[in-house]
Amino acid sequence: MAVPKRKMSRSNTRHRRARWKASTPNLVPVTVDGVTQRV
């Protein structure tokens, strides 16, 4: 298992964390009672 040899700086940690995000889901238009909603 990989073990860090040195303490990671706060800026490096936050930079790495900021990159790890969920992709936005694709919205599909749905018509309800004649009104189009993006769901």
Protein backbone atom coordinates (compact mmCIF):
# COMPACT_ATOMS: atom_id res chain seq x y z
CA MET A 1 0.00 0.00 0.00
CA ALA A 2 1.25 3.51 -0.81
CA VAL A 3 2.18 5.53 2.27
CA PRO A 4 3.08 9.25 2.10
CA LYS A 5 6.69 9.95 3.00
CA ARG A 6 6.16 13.64 3.76
CA LYS A 7 3.29 15.78 5.01
CA MET A 8 1.31 17.25 2.12
CA SER A 9 0.92 21.04 2.16
CA ARG A 10 -2.53 22.54 2.63
CA SER A 11 -2.53 24.04 -0.87
CA ASN A 12 -1.60 20.70 -2.43
CA THR A 13 -4.27 18.89 -0.44
CA ARG A 14 -6.97 21.39 -1.36
CA HIS A 15 -5.88 21.47 -5.00
CA ARG A 16 -6.13 17.68 -5.18
CA ARG A 17 -9.49 17.68 -3.38
CA ALA A 18 -10.92 20.38 -5.66
CA ARG A 19 -10.26 18.24 -8.74
CA TRP A 20 -12.24 15.26 -7.36
CA LYS A 21 -15.84 16.12 -8.22
CA ALA A 22 -18.91 14.42 -9.58
CA SER A 23 -19.84 15.01 -13.21
CA THR A 24 -23.13 16.83 -13.85
CA PRO A 25 -25.96 14.48 -14.86
CA ASN A 26 -27.54 14.88 -18.29
CA LEU A 27 -30.96 16.56 -17.99
CA VAL A 28 -33.85 15.16 -20.02
CA PRO A 29 -36.83 17.35 -20.96
CA VAL A 30 -40.13 15.91 -19.64
CA THR A 31 -43.57 17.37 -20.38
CA VAL A 32 -45.92 17.48 -17.37
CA ASP A 33 -49.39 19.05 -17.83
CA GLY A 34 -48.20 20.83 -20.98
CA VAL A 35 -45.19 22.37 -19.20
CA THR A 36 -41.73 21.18 -20.19
CA GLN A 37 -39.44 20.47 -17.24
CA ARG A 38 -35.78 19.44 -17.40
CA VAL A 39 -35.39 16.46 -15.06
